[in-house]
């Protein structure tokens, strides 16, 4: 009962762009846990059936449309949200069973509103290379306190507003917010988020992480995200 009560305080925000193939599975993973306060799809102008898929996949989904760019879409979704807690989730990620209890425990822990949580990353690929990526991500979160957007972000409205929310960046919006939150306000939730490994399979399990590392290094060196985006794409 307590978990259901806590989920009613939650606004889930999902930025989308041509995500019709993966979004239904993401929404199903949320609805299996029980009634959620609200689910907001922040679409950046999809030209596939993303919007109709979202509204058909599960009841209670609200779609807003606006300018393209994940940082911009996340920020717009947060503005539209009414929940005390915000859960930002990518459209090609699904939460594993048990996530609702972990989120409920996180929300009700003492001092929770002053912290933000992230999920452990799992990839939907049985290959050994996928397990290597998962270990690297776990190390990055533990040592550098840098969870990425495909690990989700659970944060109270109070803290989100206090740190200024997502910046309208075309890239690195997750890293930028993580840096403002700081190491001591970022904690693991205690559940996993399964992300699509499609990009790794297409681009290579060595090439993509190296490109991501290069982009991160350029960002920390002060290169504007708009310029990094051209390299990323």
C-alpha atoms as a PDB file:
ATOM      1  CA  UNK A   1       0.000   0.000   0.000  1.00  0.00           C
ATOM      2  CA  UNK A   2       2.805   2.417   0.870  1.00  0.00           C
ATOM      3  CA  UNK A   3       4.454   1.909  -2.520  1.00  0.00           C
ATOM      4  CA  UNK A   4       1.206   2.753  -4.320  1.00  0.00           C
ATOM      5  CA  UNK A   5       0.848   5.911  -2.235  1.00  0.00           C
ATOM      6  CA  UNK A   6       4.383   6.999  -3.107  1.00  0.00           C
ATOM      7  CA  UNK A   7       3.872   6.356  -6.828  1.00  0.00           C
ATOM      8  CA  UNK A   8       0.894   8.712  -6.750  1.00  0.00           C
ATOM      9  CA  UNK A   9       3.373  11.511  -5.910  1.00  0.00           C
ATOM     10  CA  UNK A  10       5.445  10.743  -9.001  1.00  0.00           C
ATOM     11  CA  UNK A  11       5.579  12.472 -12.388  1.00  0.00           C
ATOM     12  CA  UNK A  12       7.420  10.397 -14.997  1.00  0.00           C
ATOM     13  CA  UNK A  13       8.857  12.495 -17.825  1.00  0.00           C
ATOM     14  CA  UNK A  14       9.987  10.823 -21.052  1.00  0.00           C
ATOM     15  CA  UNK A  15      11.546  12.827 -23.909  1.00  0.00           C
ATOM     16  CA  UNK A  16      10.814  11.287 -27.296  1.00  0.00           C
ATOM     17  CA  UNK A  17      11.848  11.637 -30.910  1.00  0.00           C
ATOM     18  CA  UNK A  18      10.743   8.910 -33.320  1.00  0.00           C
ATOM     19  CA  UNK A  19      10.534   6.413 -30.461  1.00  0.00           C
ATOM     20  CA  UNK A  20       7.472   4.415 -31.533  1.00  0.00           C
ATOM     21  CA  UNK A  21       9.442   1.148 -31.613  1.00  0.00           C
ATOM     22  CA  UNK A  22      10.654   1.268 -27.995  1.00  0.00           C
ATOM     23  CA  UNK A  23       8.208   3.478 -26.115  1.00  0.00           C
ATOM     24  CA  UNK A  24       5.428   0.886 -25.548  1.00  0.00           C
ATOM     25  CA  UNK A  25       7.788  -1.400 -23.653  1.00  0.00           C
ATOM     26  CA  UNK A  26       8.973   1.508 -21.520  1.00  0.00           C
ATOM     27  CA  UNK A  27       5.411   2.458 -20.656  1.00  0.00           C
ATOM     28  CA  UNK A  28       4.451  -1.124 -19.855  1.00  0.00           C
ATOM     29  CA  UNK A  29       7.334  -1.412 -17.383  1.00  0.00           C
ATOM     30  CA  UNK A  30       5.934   1.606 -15.568  1.00  0.00           C
ATOM     31  CA  UNK A  31       2.304   0.529 -15.509  1.00  0.00           C
ATOM     32  CA  UNK A  32       3.059  -2.941 -14.174  1.00  0.00           C
ATOM     33  CA  UNK A  33       3.954  -1.291 -10.859  1.00  0.00           C
ATOM     34  CA  UNK A  34       0.505   0.236 -10.343  1.00  0.00           C
ATOM     35  CA  UNK A  35      -1.065   3.687 -10.727  1.00  0.00           C
ATOM     36  CA  UNK A  36       1.456   6.489 -11.197  1.00  0.00           C
ATOM     37  CA  UNK A  37       0.637  10.123 -10.565  1.00  0.00           C
ATOM     38  CA  UNK A  38       1.225  11.066 -14.201  1.00  0.00           C
ATOM     39  CA  UNK A  39       3.296  10.166 -17.238  1.00  0.00           C
ATOM     40  CA  UNK A  40       4.340  13.011 -19.520  1.00  0.00           C
ATOM     41  CA  UNK A  41       5.728  12.437 -23.003  1.00  0.00           C
ATOM     42  CA  UNK A  42       7.751  15.457 -24.109  1.00  0.00           C
ATOM     43  CA  UNK A  43       7.957  15.001 -27.860  1.00  0.00           C
ATOM     44  CA  UNK A  44      10.418  16.890 -30.018  1.00  0.00           C
ATOM     45  CA  UNK A  45       8.522  16.663 -33.309  1.00  0.00           C
ATOM     46  CA  UNK A  46       8.440  12.961 -34.158  1.00  0.00           C
ATOM     47  CA  UNK A  47       7.481  12.088 -37.712  1.00  0.00           C
ATOM     48  CA  UNK A  48       6.724   8.464 -36.844  1.00  0.00           C
ATOM     49  CA  UNK A  49       3.729   7.207 -34.773  1.00  0.00           C
ATOM     50  CA  UNK A  50       5.358   8.047 -31.417  1.00  0.00           C
ATOM     51  CA  UNK A  51       2.542  10.315 -30.227  1.00  0.00           C
ATOM     52  CA  UNK A  52      -0.306   7.992 -31.181  1.00  0.00           C
ATOM     53  CA  UNK A  53       1.638   5.030 -29.816  1.00  0.00           C
ATOM     54  CA  UNK A  54       2.080   6.808 -26.493  1.00  0.00           C
ATOM     55  CA  UNK A  55      -1.585   7.542 -26.027  1.00  0.00           C
ATOM     56  CA  UNK A  56      -2.661   4.077 -27.173  1.00  0.00           C
ATOM     57  CA  UNK A  57      -0.122   2.114 -25.114  1.00  0.00           C
ATOM     58  CA  UNK A  58      -1.496   2.979 -21.694  1.00  0.00           C
ATOM     59  CA  UNK A  59      -4.121   5.227 -20.148  1.00  0.00           C
ATOM     60  CA  UNK A  60      -3.242   8.448 -18.433  1.00  0.00           C
ATOM     61  CA  UNK A  61      -0.356   9.479 -20.664  1.00  0.00           C
ATOM     62  CA  UNK A  62      -0.145  13.188 -21.436  1.00  0.00           C
ATOM     63  CA  UNK A  63       1.762  14.362 -24.507  1.00  0.00           C
ATOM     64  CA  UNK A  64       3.314  17.778 -24.878  1.00  0.00           C
ATOM     65  CA  UNK A  65       5.178  18.894 -27.985  1.00  0.00           C
ATOM     66  CA  UNK A  66       7.864  21.500 -28.361  1.00  0.00           C
ATOM     67  CA  UNK A  67      11.308  22.302 -29.634  1.00  0.00           C
ATOM     68  CA  UNK A  68      13.638  19.416 -30.391  1.00  0.00           C
ATOM     69  CA  UNK A  69      16.588  18.749 -28.092  1.00  0.00           C
ATOM     70  CA  UNK A  70      16.666  16.416 -25.110  1.00  0.00           C
ATOM     71  CA  UNK A  71      17.596  19.089 -22.570  1.00  0.00           C
ATOM     72  CA  UNK A  72      14.840  21.350 -23.865  1.00  0.00           C
ATOM     73  CA  UNK A  73      12.298  18.512 -23.866  1.00  0.00           C
ATOM     74  CA  UNK A  74      13.202  17.396 -20.345  1.00  0.00           C
ATOM     75  CA  UNK A  75      12.910  20.951 -19.061  1.00  0.00           C
ATOM     76  CA  UNK A  76       9.524  21.370 -20.754  1.00  0.00           C
ATOM     77  CA  UNK A  77       8.291  18.125 -19.258  1.00  0.00           C
ATOM     78  CA  UNK A  78       9.328  19.270 -15.796  1.00  0.00           C
ATOM     79  CA  UNK A  79       7.451  22.544 -16.232  1.00  0.00           C
ATOM     80  CA  UNK A  80       4.308  20.617 -17.185  1.00  0.00           C
ATOM     81  CA  UNK A  81       4.638  18.136 -14.315  1.00  0.00           C
ATOM     82  CA  UNK A  82       2.655  18.460 -11.105  1.00  0.00           C
ATOM     83  CA  UNK A  83       4.211  15.724  -8.959  1.00  0.00           C
ATOM     84  CA  UNK A  84       6.228  16.193  -5.794  1.00  0.00           C
ATOM     85  CA  UNK A  85       8.816  13.837  -7.294  1.00  0.00           C
ATOM     86  CA  UNK A  86      10.084  13.748 -10.876  1.00  0.00           C
ATOM     87  CA  UNK A  87      11.386  10.650 -12.627  1.00  0.00           C
ATOM     88  CA  UNK A  88      13.157  11.359 -15.918  1.00  0.00           C
ATOM     89  CA  UNK A  89      13.447   8.316 -18.158  1.00  0.00           C
ATOM     90  CA  UNK A  90      14.582   7.731 -21.736  1.00  0.00           C
ATOM     91  CA  UNK A  91      12.155   6.242 -24.223  1.00  0.00           C
ATOM     92  CA  UNK A  92      14.356   3.223 -24.984  1.00  0.00           C
ATOM     93  CA  UNK A  93      14.766   2.225 -21.333  1.00  0.00           C
ATOM     94  CA  UNK A  94      12.547   0.070 -19.165  1.00  0.00           C
ATOM     95  CA  UNK A  95      12.592  -0.375 -15.426  1.00  0.00           C
ATOM     96  CA  UNK A  96      13.068  -3.877 -14.060  1.00  0.00           C
ATOM     97  CA  UNK A  97      10.519  -5.490 -11.727  1.00  0.00           C
ATOM     98  CA  UNK A  98      10.960  -4.240  -8.181  1.00  0.00           C
ATOM     99  CA  UNK A  99      11.704  -0.677  -9.218  1.00  0.00           C
ATOM    100  CA  UNK A 100       8.561   0.705  -7.584  1.00  0.00           C
ATOM    101  CA  UNK A 101       9.467  -0.602  -4.141  1.00  0.00           C
ATOM    102  CA  UNK A 102      13.010   0.772  -4.497  1.00  0.00           C
ATOM    103  CA  UNK A 103      11.651   4.164  -5.548  1.00  0.00           C
ATOM    104  CA  UNK A 104       9.173   4.132  -2.666  1.00  0.00           C
ATOM    105  CA  UNK A 105      11.961   3.359  -0.200  1.00  0.00           C
ATOM    106  CA  UNK A 106      14.094   6.133  -1.689  1.00  0.00           C
ATOM    107  CA  UNK A 107      11.307   8.702  -1.473  1.00  0.00           C
ATOM    108  CA  UNK A 108      10.435   7.884   2.141  1.00  0.00           C
ATOM    109  CA  UNK A 109      14.018   7.737   3.463  1.00  0.00           C
ATOM    110  CA  UNK A 110      15.035  10.536   5.868  1.00  0.00           C
ATOM    111  CA  UNK A 111      16.343  13.574   3.980  1.00  0.00           C
ATOM    112  CA  UNK A 112      15.269  12.149   0.616  1.00  0.00           C
ATOM    113  CA  UNK A 113      14.133  15.489  -0.792  1.00  0.00           C
ATOM    114  CA  UNK A 114      17.727  16.734  -0.609  1.00  0.00           C
ATOM    115  CA  UNK A 115      19.074  13.864  -2.752  1.00  0.00           C
ATOM    116  CA  UNK A 116      18.661  12.563  -6.307  1.00  0.00           C
ATOM    117  CA  UNK A 117      18.722   8.920  -7.330  1.00  0.00           C
ATOM    118  CA  UNK A 118      19.758   6.935 -10.392  1.00  0.00           C
ATOM    119  CA  UNK A 119      19.285   3.344 -11.521  1.00  0.00           C
ATOM    120  CA  UNK A 120      21.985   0.788 -12.238  1.00  0.00           C
ATOM    121  CA  UNK A 121      22.430   0.336 -15.992  1.00  0.00           C
ATOM    122  CA  UNK A 122      21.701  -2.982 -17.659  1.00  0.00           C
ATOM    123  CA  UNK A 123      21.835  -3.545 -21.427  1.00  0.00           C
ATOM    124  CA  UNK A 124      19.426  -5.823 -23.291  1.00  0.00           C
ATOM    125  CA  UNK A 125      22.193  -7.849 -24.901  1.00  0.00           C
ATOM    126  CA  UNK A 126      23.586 -11.160 -23.572  1.00  0.00           C
ATOM    127  CA  UNK A 127      27.025 -10.441 -25.075  1.00  0.00           C
ATOM    128  CA  UNK A 128      30.025 -10.242 -22.780  1.00  0.00           C
ATOM    129  CA  UNK A 129      30.798  -6.814 -24.222  1.00  0.00           C
ATOM    130  CA  UNK A 130      27.521  -5.531 -22.754  1.00  0.00           C
ATOM    131  CA  UNK A 131      28.564  -6.718 -19.277  1.00  0.00           C
ATOM    132  CA  UNK A 132      31.833  -4.825 -19.728  1.00  0.00           C
ATOM    133  CA  UNK A 133      29.920  -1.616 -20.482  1.00  0.00           C
ATOM    134  CA  UNK A 134      27.750  -2.145 -17.397  1.00  0.00           C
ATOM    135  CA  UNK A 135      30.851  -2.484 -15.209  1.00  0.00           C
ATOM    136  CA  UNK A 136      32.366   0.668 -16.701  1.00  0.00           C
ATOM    137  CA  UNK A 137      29.156   2.587 -16.031  1.00  0.00           C
ATOM    138  CA  UNK A 138      29.040   1.320 -12.441  1.00  0.00           C
ATOM    139  CA  UNK A 139      32.645   2.481 -11.972  1.00  0.00           C
ATOM    140  CA  UNK A 140      31.889   5.882 -13.496  1.00  0.00           C
ATOM    141  CA  UNK A 141      28.967   6.412 -11.135  1.00  0.00           C
ATOM    142  CA  UNK A 142      30.877   5.224  -8.073  1.00  0.00           C
ATOM    143  CA  UNK A 143      34.128   7.095  -8.709  1.00  0.00           C
ATOM    144  CA  UNK A 144      33.081  10.114 -10.789  1.00  0.00           C
ATOM    145  CA  UNK A 145      29.449  10.470  -9.639  1.00  0.00           C
ATOM    146  CA  UNK A 146      28.315  10.843 -13.270  1.00  0.00           C
ATOM    147  CA  UNK A 147      25.184   8.846 -14.041  1.00  0.00           C
ATOM    148  CA  UNK A 148      23.928   9.377 -17.583  1.00  0.00           C
ATOM    149  CA  UNK A 149      20.363   9.920 -18.728  1.00  0.00           C
ATOM    150  CA  UNK A 150      19.856   6.277 -19.734  1.00  0.00           C
ATOM    151  CA  UNK A 151      20.034   5.441 -16.009  1.00  0.00           C
ATOM    152  CA  UNK A 152      17.043   7.631 -15.218  1.00  0.00           C
ATOM    153  CA  UNK A 153      16.964  10.381 -12.616  1.00  0.00           C
ATOM    154  CA  UNK A 154      14.662  10.524  -9.597  1.00  0.00           C
ATOM    155  CA  UNK A 155      14.581  13.918  -7.908  1.00  0.00           C
ATOM    156  CA  UNK A 156      12.206  15.874  -5.724  1.00  0.00           C
ATOM    157  CA  UNK A 157      10.572  18.928  -7.238  1.00  0.00           C
ATOM    158  CA  UNK A 158      12.122  20.973  -4.416  1.00  0.00           C
ATOM    159  CA  UNK A 159      15.678  19.938  -5.259  1.00  0.00           C
ATOM    160  CA  UNK A 160      15.121  20.107  -9.018  1.00  0.00           C
ATOM    161  CA  UNK A 161      13.992  23.714  -8.764  1.00  0.00           C
ATOM    162  CA  UNK A 162      16.715  24.586  -6.258  1.00  0.00           C
ATOM    163  CA  UNK A 163      19.538  23.530  -8.610  1.00  0.00           C
ATOM    164  CA  UNK A 164      17.917  25.094 -11.687  1.00  0.00           C
ATOM    165  CA  UNK A 165      16.685  21.962 -13.477  1.00  0.00           C
ATOM    166  CA  UNK A 166      17.777  20.757 -16.890  1.00  0.00           C
ATOM    167  CA  UNK A 167      19.520  23.276 -19.102  1.00  0.00           C
ATOM    168  CA  UNK A 168      18.221  23.511 -22.705  1.00  0.00           C
ATOM    169  CA  UNK A 169      21.308  21.831 -24.158  1.00  0.00           C
ATOM    170  CA  UNK A 170      21.437  19.631 -27.278  1.00  0.00           C
ATOM    171  CA  UNK A 171      23.864  17.255 -25.527  1.00  0.00           C
ATOM    172  CA  UNK A 172      25.399  16.702 -22.068  1.00  0.00           C
ATOM    173  CA  UNK A 173      22.275  17.928 -20.299  1.00  0.00           C
ATOM    174  CA  UNK A 174      22.511  14.915 -17.972  1.00  0.00           C
ATOM    175  CA  UNK A 175      26.183  15.510 -17.150  1.00  0.00           C
ATOM    176  CA  UNK A 176      25.606  19.229 -16.631  1.00  0.00           C
ATOM    177  CA  UNK A 177      22.829  18.588 -14.111  1.00  0.00           C
ATOM    178  CA  UNK A 178      24.819  15.861 -12.359  1.00  0.00           C
ATOM    179  CA  UNK A 179      27.684  18.312 -11.871  1.00  0.00           C
ATOM    180  CA  UNK A 180      25.362  20.870 -10.313  1.00  0.00           C
ATOM    181  CA  UNK A 181      23.877  18.259  -8.027  1.00  0.00           C
ATOM    182  CA  UNK A 182      27.311  17.132  -6.915  1.00  0.00           C
ATOM    183  CA  UNK A 183      28.621  13.836  -5.569  1.00  0.00           C
ATOM    184  CA  UNK A 184      26.976  14.052  -2.149  1.00  0.00           C
ATOM    185  CA  UNK A 185      23.460  14.495  -3.540  1.00  0.00           C
ATOM    186  CA  UNK A 186      23.561  11.640  -6.061  1.00  0.00           C
ATOM    187  CA  UNK A 187      22.785   8.122  -4.859  1.00  0.00           C
ATOM    188  CA  UNK A 188      21.882   4.735  -6.385  1.00  0.00           C
ATOM    189  CA  UNK A 189      18.191   3.895  -6.105  1.00  0.00           C
ATOM    190  CA  UNK A 190      18.763   0.177  -5.675  1.00  0.00           C
ATOM    191  CA  UNK A 191      17.084  -1.062  -8.849  1.00  0.00           C
ATOM    192  CA  UNK A 192      18.081  -1.473 -12.494  1.00  0.00           C
ATOM    193  CA  UNK A 193      17.106   0.231 -15.722  1.00  0.00           C
ATOM    194  CA  UNK A 194      17.398  -1.868 -18.882  1.00  0.00           C
ATOM    195  CA  UNK A 195      18.544   0.233 -21.819  1.00  0.00           C
ATOM    196  CA  UNK A 196      18.549  -0.689 -25.484  1.00  0.00           C
ATOM    197  CA  UNK A 197      21.941  -1.881 -26.702  1.00  0.00           C
ATOM    198  CA  UNK A 198      21.015  -1.102 -30.310  1.00  0.00           C
ATOM    199  CA  UNK A 199      23.413   1.798 -30.620  1.00  0.00           C
ATOM    200  CA  UNK A 200      26.296  -0.296 -29.300  1.00  0.00           C
ATOM    201  CA  UNK A 201      25.487  -3.103 -31.715  1.00  0.00           C
ATOM    202  CA  UNK A 202      25.310  -0.679 -34.643  1.00  0.00           C
ATOM    203  CA  UNK A 203      28.356   1.406 -33.797  1.00  0.00           C
ATOM    204  CA  UNK A 204      30.522  -1.115 -31.955  1.00  0.00           C
ATOM    205  CA  UNK A 205      31.149  -1.907 -28.309  1.00  0.00           C
ATOM    206  CA  UNK A 206      34.536  -0.206 -28.474  1.00  0.00           C
ATOM    207  CA  UNK A 207      33.864   2.638 -30.884  1.00  0.00           C
ATOM    208  CA  UNK A 208      30.788   4.084 -29.168  1.00  0.00           C
ATOM    209  CA  UNK A 209      32.249   4.235 -25.619  1.00  0.00           C
ATOM    210  CA  UNK A 210      35.418   5.823 -26.978  1.00  0.00           C
ATOM    211  CA  UNK A 211      33.378   8.427 -28.839  1.00  0.00           C
ATOM    212  CA  UNK A 212      31.359   9.111 -25.685  1.00  0.00           C
ATOM    213  CA  UNK A 213      34.572   9.508 -23.704  1.00  0.00           C
ATOM    214  CA  UNK A 214      35.920  11.947 -26.293  1.00  0.00           C
ATOM    215  CA  UNK A 215      32.712  14.011 -26.128  1.00  0.00           C
ATOM    216  CA  UNK A 216      32.826  14.038 -22.331  1.00  0.00           C
ATOM    217  CA  UNK A 217      36.470  15.142 -22.385  1.00  0.00           C
ATOM    218  CA  UNK A 218      35.678  17.956 -24.813  1.00  0.00           C
ATOM    219  CA  UNK A 219      32.793  19.075 -22.596  1.00  0.00           C
ATOM    220  CA  UNK A 220      35.008  19.199 -19.501  1.00  0.00           C
ATOM    221  CA  UNK A 221      37.602  21.063 -21.569  1.00  0.00           C
ATOM    222  CA  UNK A 222      35.019  23.793 -22.193  1.00  0.00           C
ATOM    223  CA  UNK A 223      33.877  23.087 -25.755  1.00  0.00           C
ATOM    224  CA  UNK A 224      30.299  24.218 -26.339  1.00  0.00           C
ATOM    225  CA  UNK A 225      27.748  21.357 -26.372  1.00  0.00           C
ATOM    226  CA  UNK A 226      26.435  22.539 -29.752  1.00  0.00           C
ATOM    227  CA  UNK A 227      29.845  21.854 -31.285  1.00  0.00           C
ATOM    228  CA  UNK A 228      30.186  18.517 -29.481  1.00  0.00           C
ATOM    229  CA  UNK A 229      26.794  17.514 -30.868  1.00  0.00           C
ATOM    230  CA  UNK A 230      28.104  17.655 -34.429  1.00  0.00           C
ATOM    231  CA  UNK A 231      30.836  15.182 -33.497  1.00  0.00           C
ATOM    232  CA  UNK A 232      28.422  12.972 -31.525  1.00  0.00           C
ATOM    233  CA  UNK A 233      26.047  12.648 -34.460  1.00  0.00           C
END
